Every structure is written in structure tokens, then in C-alpha cells.
Amino acid sequence: MKLIAELKRFSRSTLPSTVRIILRKIFTDALLEKFSYKGLKKKKVFYTLATCTVIFDAIKQMKKFKLSDAVDIETPIRTFISGAKFREPKKNLPISNELSS
């Protein structure tokens, strides 16, 4: 699958950092705020998404992480999703007028 091949390019030195970069590339924090891994607190269920399966498949196909258990991949996903509402969106800061004086 082409998407899995693309996601494999985001391999990092550790599994949690790999999971974070993949999730950042696919989802916005605003969207992830509506999900929890298992659908707790009346949120949508993340682990049933086809995208979740694609993420697991991509990570399992990375040489570094091919022996990783599902729980090893699931833990950083849960952490990243639960922290979505606390991350502030990056804003374009206005250029200060002090430089033009």
C-alpha cells in the first residue's frame, strides 16, 4: 500500500517519537480532541479507524520496530491523543513594528 510506504519514511530513533511524527502528519490536534483510543468520555473510538490499522502496519514494517508488540505502539498513540487538547495551535505571529522605526 502506498500510504504505508509513505509513513515508513517517518521512522525516528525511538518508537514514541516515530508514532508522534506519524500522528502529526496525519491528524490535527483539533480532530484528535474528538477521539480517545477506546472511546472513553463519550468521545469517538480511535482504534477502530482504518487509519489506526495503517499506522500499526507501517510501524510493524519498519526494521527497527518489527518486533514491537501492539501495546508498545498503542501506548504512545494513547498519550498523543490524550494530549491533543493541551497543545496550542501554532499561530503566525505578527511582525513587530519596532523593526521599522
PDB file of N, CA and C in Angstrom:
ATOM      1  N   MET A   1       0.847  -1.179   0.000  1.00  0.00           N
ATOM      2  CA  MET A   1       0.000   0.000   0.000  1.00  0.00           C
ATOM      3  C   MET A   1       0.895   1.246   0.000  1.00  0.00           C
ATOM      4  N   LYS A   2       0.530   2.211  -0.802  1.00  0.00           N
ATOM      5  CA  LYS A   2       1.336   3.419  -0.959  1.00  0.00           C
ATOM      6  C   LYS A   2       1.404   4.258   0.323  1.00  0.00           C
ATOM      7  N   LEU A   3       0.291   4.337   1.039  1.00  0.00           N
ATOM      8  CA  LEU A   3       0.270   5.122   2.269  1.00  0.00           C
ATOM      9  C   LEU A   3       1.229   4.546   3.307  1.00  0.00           C
ATOM     10  N   ILE A   4       1.252   3.232   3.440  1.00  0.00           N
ATOM     11  CA  ILE A   4       2.166   2.591   4.389  1.00  0.00           C
ATOM     12  C   ILE A   4       3.612   2.890   4.006  1.00  0.00           C
ATOM     13  N   ALA A   5       3.921   2.831   2.727  1.00  0.00           N
ATOM     14  CA  ALA A   5       5.277   3.139   2.270  1.00  0.00           C
ATOM     15  C   ALA A   5       5.659   4.577   2.602  1.00  0.00           C
ATOM     16  N   GLU A   6       4.716   5.490   2.461  1.00  0.00           N
ATOM     17  CA  GLU A   6       4.978   6.894   2.796  1.00  0.00           C
ATOM     18  C   GLU A   6       5.215   7.061   4.295  1.00  0.00           C
ATOM     19  N   LEU A   7       4.395   6.421   5.098  1.00  0.00           N
ATOM     20  CA  LEU A   7       4.523   6.553   6.552  1.00  0.00           C
ATOM     21  C   LEU A   7       5.818   5.929   7.069  1.00  0.00           C
ATOM     22  N   LYS A   8       6.300   4.912   6.407  1.00  0.00           N
ATOM     23  CA  LYS A   8       7.553   4.275   6.820  1.00  0.00           C
ATOM     24  C   LYS A   8       8.729   5.246   6.724  1.00  0.00           C
ATOM     25  N   ARG A   9       8.620   6.259   5.921  1.00  0.00           N
ATOM     26  CA  ARG A   9       9.684   7.258   5.777  1.00  0.00           C
ATOM     27  C   ARG A   9       9.879   8.081   7.043  1.00  0.00           C
ATOM     28  N   PHE A  10       8.890   8.101   7.932  1.00  0.00           N
ATOM     29  CA  PHE A  10       8.959   8.927   9.126  1.00  0.00           C
ATOM     30  C   PHE A  10       9.566   8.209  10.325  1.00  0.00           C
ATOM     31  N   SER A  11      10.271   7.149  10.085  1.00  0.00           N
ATOM     32  CA  SER A  11      10.918   6.404  11.162  1.00  0.00           C
ATOM     33  C   SER A  11      11.913   7.292  11.901  1.00  0.00           C
ATOM     34  N   ARG A  12      11.875   7.251  13.223  1.00  0.00           N
ATOM     35  CA  ARG A  12      12.786   8.008  14.078  1.00  0.00           C
ATOM     36  C   ARG A  12      13.557   7.028  14.956  1.00  0.00           C
ATOM     37  N   SER A  13      14.371   7.551  15.845  1.00  0.00           N
ATOM     38  CA  SER A  13      15.232   6.686  16.654  1.00  0.00           C
ATOM     39  C   SER A  13      14.469   5.876  17.702  1.00  0.00           C
ATOM     40  N   THR A  14      13.342   6.396  18.171  1.00  0.00           N
ATOM     41  CA  THR A  14      12.554   5.659  19.166  1.00  0.00           C
ATOM     42  C   THR A  14      11.129   5.455  18.653  1.00  0.00           C
ATOM     43  N   LEU A  15      10.480   4.469  19.214  1.00  0.00           N
ATOM     44  CA  LEU A  15       9.094   4.181  18.818  1.00  0.00           C
ATOM     45  C   LEU A  15       8.147   5.335  19.160  1.00  0.00           C
ATOM     46  N   PRO A  16       8.206   5.892  20.387  1.00  0.00           N
ATOM     47  CA  PRO A  16       7.295   7.018  20.677  1.00  0.00           C
ATOM     48  C   PRO A  16       7.488   8.212  19.746  1.00  0.00           C
ATOM     49  N   SER A  17       8.728   8.547  19.409  1.00  0.00           N
ATOM     50  CA  SER A  17       8.935   9.693  18.513  1.00  0.00           C
ATOM     51  C   SER A  17       8.448   9.380  17.100  1.00  0.00           C
ATOM     52  N   THR A  18       8.554   8.126  16.692  1.00  0.00           N
ATOM     53  CA  THR A  18       8.033   7.711  15.381  1.00  0.00           C
ATOM     54  C   THR A  18       6.517   7.832  15.354  1.00  0.00           C
ATOM     55  N   VAL A  19       5.868   7.353  16.403  1.00  0.00           N
ATOM     56  CA  VAL A  19       4.407   7.435  16.486  1.00  0.00           C
ATOM     57  C   VAL A  19       3.958   8.896  16.463  1.00  0.00           C
ATOM     58  N   ARG A  20       4.645   9.750  17.232  1.00  0.00           N
ATOM     59  CA  ARG A  20       4.260  11.176  17.284  1.00  0.00           C
ATOM     60  C   ARG A  20       4.352  11.837  15.918  1.00  0.00           C
ATOM     61  N   ILE A  21       5.440  11.618  15.196  1.00  0.00           N
ATOM     62  CA  ILE A  21       5.597  12.281  13.891  1.00  0.00           C
ATOM     63  C   ILE A  21       4.545  11.780  12.898  1.00  0.00           C
ATOM     64  N   ILE A  22       4.237  10.499  12.950  1.00  0.00           N
ATOM     65  CA  ILE A  22       3.209   9.953  12.044  1.00  0.00           C
ATOM     66  C   ILE A  22       1.847  10.574  12.361  1.00  0.00           C
ATOM     67  N   LEU A  23       1.503  10.628  13.633  1.00  0.00           N
ATOM     68  CA  LEU A  23       0.209  11.204  14.009  1.00  0.00           C
ATOM     69  C   LEU A  23       0.131  12.687  13.663  1.00  0.00           C
ATOM     70  N   ARG A  24       1.246  13.413  13.828  1.00  0.00           N
ATOM     71  CA  ARG A  24       1.266  14.841  13.461  1.00  0.00           C
ATOM     72  C   ARG A  24       1.046  15.044  11.969  1.00  0.00           C
ATOM     73  N   LYS A  25       1.589  14.133  11.170  1.00  0.00           N
ATOM     74  CA  LYS A  25       1.456  14.255   9.711  1.00  0.00           C
ATOM     75  C   LYS A  25       0.041  13.941   9.233  1.00  0.00           C
ATOM     76  N   ILE A  26      -0.656  13.078   9.958  1.00  0.00           N
ATOM     77  CA  ILE A  26      -1.978  12.632   9.508  1.00  0.00           C
ATOM     78  C   ILE A  26      -3.119  13.461  10.096  1.00  0.00           C
ATOM     79  N   PHE A  27      -3.019  13.784  11.392  1.00  0.00           N
ATOM     80  CA  PHE A  27      -4.138  14.405  12.103  1.00  0.00           C
ATOM     81  C   PHE A  27      -3.790  15.793  12.621  1.00  0.00           C
ATOM     82  N   THR A  28      -4.832  16.604  12.796  1.00  0.00           N
ATOM     83  CA  THR A  28      -4.679  17.871  13.514  1.00  0.00           C
ATOM     84  C   THR A  28      -5.076  17.617  14.968  1.00  0.00           C
ATOM     85  N   ASP A  29      -4.594  18.468  15.849  1.00  0.00           N
ATOM     86  CA  ASP A  29      -4.966  18.337  17.260  1.00  0.00           C
ATOM     87  C   ASP A  29      -6.468  18.562  17.444  1.00  0.00           C
ATOM     88  N   ALA A  30      -7.033  19.468  16.653  1.00  0.00           N
ATOM     89  CA  ALA A  30      -8.472  19.738  16.752  1.00  0.00           C
ATOM     90  C   ALA A  30      -9.285  18.477  16.453  1.00  0.00           C
ATOM     91  N   LEU A  31      -8.850  17.691  15.504  1.00  0.00           N
ATOM     92  CA  LEU A  31      -9.549  16.451  15.186  1.00  0.00           C
ATOM     93  C   LEU A  31      -9.317  15.403  16.276  1.00  0.00           C
ATOM     94  N   LEU A  32      -8.079  15.279  16.731  1.00  0.00           N
ATOM     95  CA  LEU A  32      -7.767  14.272  17.752  1.00  0.00           C
ATOM     96  C   LEU A  32      -8.459  14.547  19.083  1.00  0.00           C
ATOM     97  N   GLU A  33      -8.814  15.797  19.344  1.00  0.00           N
ATOM     98  CA  GLU A  33      -9.531  16.128  20.580  1.00  0.00           C
ATOM     99  C   GLU A  33     -10.867  15.400  20.669  1.00  0.00           C
ATOM    100  N   LYS A  34     -11.426  15.023  19.534  1.00  0.00           N
ATOM    101  CA  LYS A  34     -12.721  14.365  19.492  1.00  0.00           C
ATOM    102  C   LYS A  34     -12.628  12.852  19.697  1.00  0.00           C
ATOM    103  N   PHE A  35     -11.399  12.335  19.844  1.00  0.00           N
ATOM    104  CA  PHE A  35     -11.181  10.899  19.953  1.00  0.00           C
ATOM    105  C   PHE A  35     -10.496  10.542  21.273  1.00  0.00           C
ATOM    106  N   SER A  36     -10.724   9.314  21.698  1.00  0.00           N
ATOM    107  CA  SER A  36      -9.864   8.678  22.687  1.00  0.00           C
ATOM    108  C   SER A  36      -9.584   7.289  22.106  1.00  0.00           C
ATOM    109  N   TYR A  37      -8.559   6.634  22.577  1.00  0.00           N
ATOM    110  CA  TYR A  37      -8.171   5.363  21.960  1.00  0.00           C
ATOM    111  C   TYR A  37      -9.317   4.354  21.994  1.00  0.00           C
ATOM    112  N   LYS A  38     -10.007   4.276  23.125  1.00  0.00           N
ATOM    113  CA  LYS A  38     -11.101   3.305  23.257  1.00  0.00           C
ATOM    114  C   LYS A  38     -12.486   3.951  23.322  1.00  0.00           C
ATOM    115  N   GLY A  39     -12.558   5.273  23.127  1.00  0.00           N
ATOM    116  CA  GLY A  39     -13.856   5.938  23.111  1.00  0.00           C
ATOM    117  C   GLY A  39     -14.382   6.328  24.471  1.00  0.00           C
ATOM    118  N   LEU A  40     -13.496   6.542  25.413  1.00  0.00           N
ATOM    119  CA  LEU A  40     -13.926   6.951  26.750  1.00  0.00           C
ATOM    120  C   LEU A  40     -14.430   8.392  26.739  1.00  0.00           C
ATOM    121  N   LYS A  41     -15.167   8.749  27.767  1.00  0.00           N
ATOM    122  CA  LYS A  41     -15.711  10.098  27.957  1.00  0.00           C
ATOM    123  C   LYS A  41     -16.561  10.560  26.771  1.00  0.00           C
ATOM    124  N   LYS A  42     -17.310   9.636  26.208  1.00  0.00           N
ATOM    125  CA  LYS A  42     -18.225   9.907  25.088  1.00  0.00           C
ATOM    126  C   LYS A  42     -17.519  10.450  23.846  1.00  0.00           C
ATOM    127  N   LYS A  43     -16.263  10.102  23.705  1.00  0.00           N
ATOM    128  CA  LYS A  43     -15.516  10.500  22.506  1.00  0.00           C
ATOM    129  C   LYS A  43     -15.582   9.382  21.483  1.00  0.00           C
ATOM    130  N   LYS A  44     -15.150   9.675  20.268  1.00  0.00           N
ATOM    131  CA  LYS A  44     -15.131   8.680  19.206  1.00  0.00           C
ATOM    132  C   LYS A  44     -13.981   7.704  19.445  1.00  0.00           C
ATOM    133  N   VAL A  45     -14.139   6.483  18.961  1.00  0.00           N
ATOM    134  CA  VAL A  45     -13.158   5.422  19.155  1.00  0.00           C
ATOM    135  C   VAL A  45     -12.076   5.518  18.080  1.00  0.00           C
ATOM    136  N   PHE A  46     -10.822   5.624  18.507  1.00  0.00           N
ATOM    137  CA  PHE A  46      -9.710   5.751  17.562  1.00  0.00           C
ATOM    138  C   PHE A  46      -9.257   4.400  17.027  1.00  0.00           C
ATOM    139  N   TYR A  47      -9.177   3.382  17.877  1.00  0.00           N
ATOM    140  CA  TYR A  47      -8.574   2.126  17.460  1.00  0.00           C
ATOM    141  C   TYR A  47      -9.361   1.367  16.403  1.00  0.00           C
ATOM    142  N   THR A  48     -10.603   1.754  16.156  1.00  0.00           N
ATOM    143  CA  THR A  48     -11.387   1.089  15.112  1.00  0.00           C
ATOM    144  C   THR A  48     -11.218   1.750  13.739  1.00  0.00           C
ATOM    145  N   LEU A  49     -10.514   2.878  13.692  1.00  0.00           N
ATOM    146  CA  LEU A  49     -10.306   3.562  12.414  1.00  0.00           C
ATOM    147  C   LEU A  49      -9.355   2.775  11.521  1.00  0.00           C
ATOM    148  N   ALA A  50      -9.612   2.801  10.234  1.00  0.00           N
ATOM    149  CA  ALA A  50      -8.701   2.163   9.283  1.00  0.00           C
ATOM    150  C   ALA A  50      -7.318   2.813   9.351  1.00  0.00           C
ATOM    151  N   THR A  51      -7.285   4.098   9.655  1.00  0.00           N
ATOM    152  CA  THR A  51      -6.022   4.816   9.773  1.00  0.00           C
ATOM    153  C   THR A  51      -5.167   4.246  10.893  1.00  0.00           C
ATOM    154  N   CYS A  52      -5.789   3.833  11.970  1.00  0.00           N
ATOM    155  CA  CYS A  52      -5.054   3.230  13.082  1.00  0.00           C
ATOM    156  C   CYS A  52      -4.386   1.934  12.624  1.00  0.00           C
ATOM    157  N   THR A  53      -5.089   1.139  11.866  1.00  0.00           N
ATOM    158  CA  THR A  53      -4.526  -0.101  11.325  1.00  0.00           C
ATOM    159  C   THR A  53      -3.355   0.199  10.397  1.00  0.00           C
ATOM    160  N   VAL A  54      -3.485   1.228   9.586  1.00  0.00           N
ATOM    161  CA  VAL A  54      -2.407   1.620   8.671  1.00  0.00           C
ATOM    162  C   VAL A  54      -1.173   2.049   9.463  1.00  0.00           C
ATOM    163  N   ILE A  55      -1.374   2.796  10.549  1.00  0.00           N
ATOM    164  CA  ILE A  55      -0.249   3.229  11.383  1.00  0.00           C
ATOM    165  C   ILE A  55       0.453   2.014  11.981  1.00  0.00           C
ATOM    166  N   PHE A  56      -0.311   1.077  12.520  1.00  0.00           N
ATOM    167  CA  PHE A  56       0.276  -0.139  13.080  1.00  0.00           C
ATOM    168  C   PHE A  56       1.056  -0.911  12.011  1.00  0.00           C
ATOM    169  N   ASP A  57       0.469  -1.045  10.824  1.00  0.00           N
ATOM    170  CA  ASP A  57       1.129  -1.776   9.735  1.00  0.00           C
ATOM    171  C   ASP A  57       2.429  -1.101   9.318  1.00  0.00           C
ATOM    172  N   ALA A  58       2.408   0.221   9.212  1.00  0.00           N
ATOM    173  CA  ALA A  58       3.605   0.964   8.817  1.00  0.00           C
ATOM    174  C   ALA A  58       4.725   0.780   9.837  1.00  0.00           C
ATOM    175  N   ILE A  59       4.375   0.857  11.114  1.00  0.00           N
ATOM    176  CA  ILE A  59       5.388   0.719  12.162  1.00  0.00           C
ATOM    177  C   ILE A  59       5.923  -0.707  12.202  1.00  0.00           C
ATOM    178  N   LYS A  60       5.057  -1.693  12.050  1.00  0.00           N
ATOM    179  CA  LYS A  60       5.488  -3.085  12.047  1.00  0.00           C
ATOM    180  C   LYS A  60       6.405  -3.404  10.864  1.00  0.00           C
ATOM    181  N   GLN A  61       6.306  -2.640   9.786  1.00  0.00           N
ATOM    182  CA  GLN A  61       7.152  -2.868   8.613  1.00  0.00           C
ATOM    183  C   GLN A  61       8.489  -2.139   8.686  1.00  0.00           C
ATOM    184  N   MET A  62       8.670  -1.296   9.698  1.00  0.00           N
ATOM    185  CA  MET A  62       9.954  -0.624   9.898  1.00  0.00           C
ATOM    186  C   MET A  62      10.918  -1.607  10.550  1.00  0.00           C
ATOM    187  N   LYS A  63      12.113  -1.715  10.013  1.00  0.00           N
ATOM    188  CA  LYS A  63      13.076  -2.698  10.516  1.00  0.00           C
ATOM    189  C   LYS A  63      13.313  -2.581  12.017  1.00  0.00           C
ATOM    190  N   LYS A  64      13.434  -1.358  12.512  1.00  0.00           N
ATOM    191  CA  LYS A  64      13.715  -1.129  13.930  1.00  0.00           C
ATOM    192  C   LYS A  64      12.615  -1.642  14.845  1.00  0.00           C
ATOM    193  N   PHE A  65      11.394  -1.568  14.368  1.00  0.00           N
ATOM    194  CA  PHE A  65      10.249  -1.807  15.244  1.00  0.00           C
ATOM    195  C   PHE A  65       9.439  -3.044  14.882  1.00  0.00           C
ATOM    196  N   LYS A  66       9.962  -3.897  14.002  1.00  0.00           N
ATOM    197  CA  LYS A  66       9.179  -5.038  13.542  1.00  0.00           C
ATOM    198  C   LYS A  66       8.866  -6.040  14.658  1.00  0.00           C
ATOM    199  N   LEU A  67       9.653  -6.039  15.731  1.00  0.00           N
ATOM    200  CA  LEU A  67       9.398  -6.949  16.850  1.00  0.00           C
ATOM    201  C   LEU A  67       8.573  -6.299  17.964  1.00  0.00           C
ATOM    202  N   SER A  68       8.117  -5.086  17.739  1.00  0.00           N
ATOM    203  CA  SER A  68       7.331  -4.373  18.751  1.00  0.00           C
ATOM    204  C   SER A  68       5.953  -5.002  18.915  1.00  0.00           C
ATOM    205  N   ASP A  69       5.516  -5.083  20.161  1.00  0.00           N
ATOM    206  CA  ASP A  69       4.169  -5.579  20.448  1.00  0.00           C
ATOM    207  C   ASP A  69       3.157  -4.476  20.180  1.00  0.00           C
ATOM    208  N   ALA A  70       1.905  -4.871  20.039  1.00  0.00           N
ATOM    209  CA  ALA A  70       0.835  -3.898  19.823  1.00  0.00           C
ATOM    210  C   ALA A  70       0.767  -2.896  20.969  1.00  0.00           C
ATOM    211  N   VAL A  71       0.994  -3.357  22.180  1.00  0.00           N
ATOM    212  CA  VAL A  71       0.940  -2.474  23.349  1.00  0.00           C
ATOM    213  C   VAL A  71       2.057  -1.432  23.290  1.00  0.00           C
ATOM    214  N   ASP A  72       3.203  -1.788  22.736  1.00  0.00           N
ATOM    215  CA  ASP A  72       4.311  -0.840  22.601  1.00  0.00           C
ATOM    216  C   ASP A  72       3.951   0.296  21.646  1.00  0.00           C
ATOM    217  N   ILE A  73       3.142   0.001  20.649  1.00  0.00           N
ATOM    218  CA  ILE A  73       2.712   1.006  19.675  1.00  0.00           C
ATOM    219  C   ILE A  73       1.503   1.778  20.216  1.00  0.00           C
ATOM    220  N   GLU A  74       0.635   1.056  20.888  1.00  0.00           N
ATOM    221  CA  GLU A  74      -0.607   1.648  21.409  1.00  0.00           C
ATOM    222  C   GLU A  74      -0.343   2.718  22.475  1.00  0.00           C
ATOM    223  N   THR A  75       0.630   2.496  23.325  1.00  0.00           N
ATOM    224  CA  THR A  75       0.885   3.421  24.439  1.00  0.00           C
ATOM    225  C   THR A  75       1.212   4.841  23.972  1.00  0.00           C
ATOM    226  N   PRO A  76       2.168   5.035  23.044  1.00  0.00           N
ATOM    227  CA  PRO A  76       2.410   6.410  22.592  1.00  0.00           C
ATOM    228  C   PRO A  76       1.239   7.002  21.795  1.00  0.00           C
ATOM    229  N   ILE A  77       0.460   6.163  21.140  1.00  0.00           N
ATOM    230  CA  ILE A  77      -0.728   6.666  20.437  1.00  0.00           C
ATOM    231  C   ILE A  77      -1.717   7.221  21.457  1.00  0.00           C
ATOM    232  N   ARG A  78      -1.965   6.454  22.505  1.00  0.00           N
ATOM    233  CA  ARG A  78      -2.886   6.901  23.569  1.00  0.00           C
ATOM    234  C   ARG A  78      -2.411   8.222  24.176  1.00  0.00           C
ATOM    235  N   THR A  79      -1.117   8.296  24.461  1.00  0.00           N
ATOM    236  CA  THR A  79      -0.554   9.502  25.074  1.00  0.00           C
ATOM    237  C   THR A  79      -0.715  10.706  24.162  1.00  0.00           C
ATOM    238  N   PHE A  80      -0.414  10.517  22.879  1.00  0.00           N
ATOM    239  CA  PHE A  80      -0.502  11.626  21.926  1.00  0.00           C
ATOM    240  C   PHE A  80      -1.943  12.108  21.776  1.00  0.00           C
ATOM    241  N   ILE A  81      -2.880  11.175  21.668  1.00  0.00           N
ATOM    242  CA  ILE A  81      -4.288  11.545  21.517  1.00  0.00           C
ATOM    243  C   ILE A  81      -4.782  12.283  22.756  1.00  0.00           C
ATOM    244  N   SER A  82      -4.434  11.779  23.930  1.00  0.00           N
ATOM    245  CA  SER A  82      -4.939  12.405  25.159  1.00  0.00           C
ATOM    246  C   SER A  82      -4.348  13.791  25.389  1.00  0.00           C
ATOM    247  N   GLY A  83      -3.198  14.081  24.811  1.00  0.00           N
ATOM    248  CA  GLY A  83      -2.588  15.393  24.972  1.00  0.00           C
ATOM    249  C   GLY A  83      -3.000  16.409  23.925  1.00  0.00           C
ATOM    250  N   ALA A  84      -3.828  16.018  22.979  1.00  0.00           N
ATOM    251  CA  ALA A  84      -4.190  16.899  21.864  1.00  0.00           C
ATOM    252  C   ALA A  84      -4.835  18.201  22.323  1.00  0.00           C
ATOM    253  N   LYS A  85      -5.703  18.134  23.313  1.00  0.00           N
ATOM    254  CA  LYS A  85      -6.409  19.354  23.726  1.00  0.00           C
ATOM    255  C   LYS A  85      -5.498  20.328  24.467  1.00  0.00           C
ATOM    256  N   PHE A  86      -4.338  19.867  24.917  1.00  0.00           N
ATOM    257  CA  PHE A  86      -3.421  20.728  25.650  1.00  0.00           C
ATOM    258  C   PHE A  86      -2.380  21.402  24.757  1.00  0.00           C
ATOM    259  N   ARG A  87      -2.257  20.918  23.528  1.00  0.00           N
ATOM    260  CA  ARG A  87      -1.299  21.527  22.612  1.00  0.00           C
ATOM    261  C   ARG A  87      -1.936  22.728  21.945  1.00  0.00           C
ATOM    262  N   GLU A  88      -1.256  23.846  21.996  1.00  0.00           N
ATOM    263  CA  GLU A  88      -1.779  25.058  21.380  1.00  0.00           C
ATOM    264  C   GLU A  88      -1.428  25.055  19.900  1.00  0.00           C
ATOM    265  N   PRO A  89      -2.354  25.507  19.075  1.00  0.00           N
ATOM    266  CA  PRO A  89      -2.045  25.587  17.650  1.00  0.00           C
ATOM    267  C   PRO A  89      -0.964  26.636  17.400  1.00  0.00           C
ATOM    268  N   LYS A  90      -0.103  26.349  16.448  1.00  0.00           N
ATOM    269  CA  LYS A  90       0.938  27.318  16.106  1.00  0.00           C
ATOM    270  C   LYS A  90       0.291  28.465  15.349  1.00  0.00           C
ATOM    271  N   LYS A  91       0.550  29.663  15.801  1.00  0.00           N
ATOM    272  CA  LYS A  91      -0.061  30.841  15.185  1.00  0.00           C
ATOM    273  C   LYS A  91       1.013  31.630  14.458  1.00  0.00           C
ATOM    274  N   ASN A  92       0.601  32.280  13.402  1.00  0.00           N
ATOM    275  CA  ASN A  92       1.516  33.182  12.712  1.00  0.00           C
ATOM    276  C   ASN A  92       1.600  34.455  13.535  1.00  0.00           C
ATOM    277  N   LEU A  93       2.763  34.699  14.054  1.00  0.00           N
ATOM    278  CA  LEU A  93       2.933  35.879  14.884  1.00  0.00           C
ATOM    279  C   LEU A  93       3.142  37.100  14.005  1.00  0.00           C
ATOM    280  N   PRO A  94       2.489  38.224  14.337  1.00  0.00           N
ATOM    281  CA  PRO A  94       2.662  39.430  13.527  1.00  0.00           C
ATOM    282  C   PRO A  94       4.084  39.975  13.677  1.00  0.00           C
ATOM    283  N   ILE A  95       4.584  40.547  12.617  1.00  0.00           N
ATOM    284  CA  ILE A  95       5.912  41.141  12.651  1.00  0.00           C
ATOM    285  C   ILE A  95       5.825  42.440  13.436  1.00  0.00           C
ATOM    286  N   SER A  96       6.743  42.614  14.336  1.00  0.00           N
ATOM    287  CA  SER A  96       6.741  43.776  15.219  1.00  0.00           C
ATOM    288  C   SER A  96       7.064  45.049  14.439  1.00  0.00           C
ATOM    289  N   ASN A  97       6.407  46.147  14.813  1.00  0.00           N
ATOM    290  CA  ASN A  97       6.660  47.431  14.181  1.00  0.00           C
ATOM    291  C   ASN A  97       7.941  48.085  14.668  1.00  0.00           C
ATOM    292  N   GLU A  98       8.541  47.497  15.722  1.00  0.00           N
ATOM    293  CA  GLU A  98       9.757  48.052  16.286  1.00  0.00           C
ATOM    294  C   GLU A  98      10.902  48.039  15.276  1.00  0.00           C
ATOM    295  N   LEU A  99      10.911  47.111  14.380  1.00  0.00           N
ATOM    296  CA  LEU A  99      11.991  46.999  13.411  1.00  0.00           C
ATOM    297  C   LEU A  99      11.920  48.087  12.354  1.00  0.00           C
ATOM    298  N   SER A 100      10.740  48.616  12.090  1.00  0.00           N
ATOM    299  CA  SER A 100      10.592  49.619  11.041  1.00  0.00           C
ATOM    300  C   SER A 100      10.853  51.040  11.549  1.00  0.00           C
ATOM    301  N   SER A 101      11.095  51.206  12.836  1.00  0.00           N
ATOM    302  CA  SER A 101      11.301  52.547  13.417  1.00  0.00           C
ATOM    303  C   SER A 101      12.645  53.100  13.045  1.00  0.00           C
TER     304      SER A 101
END
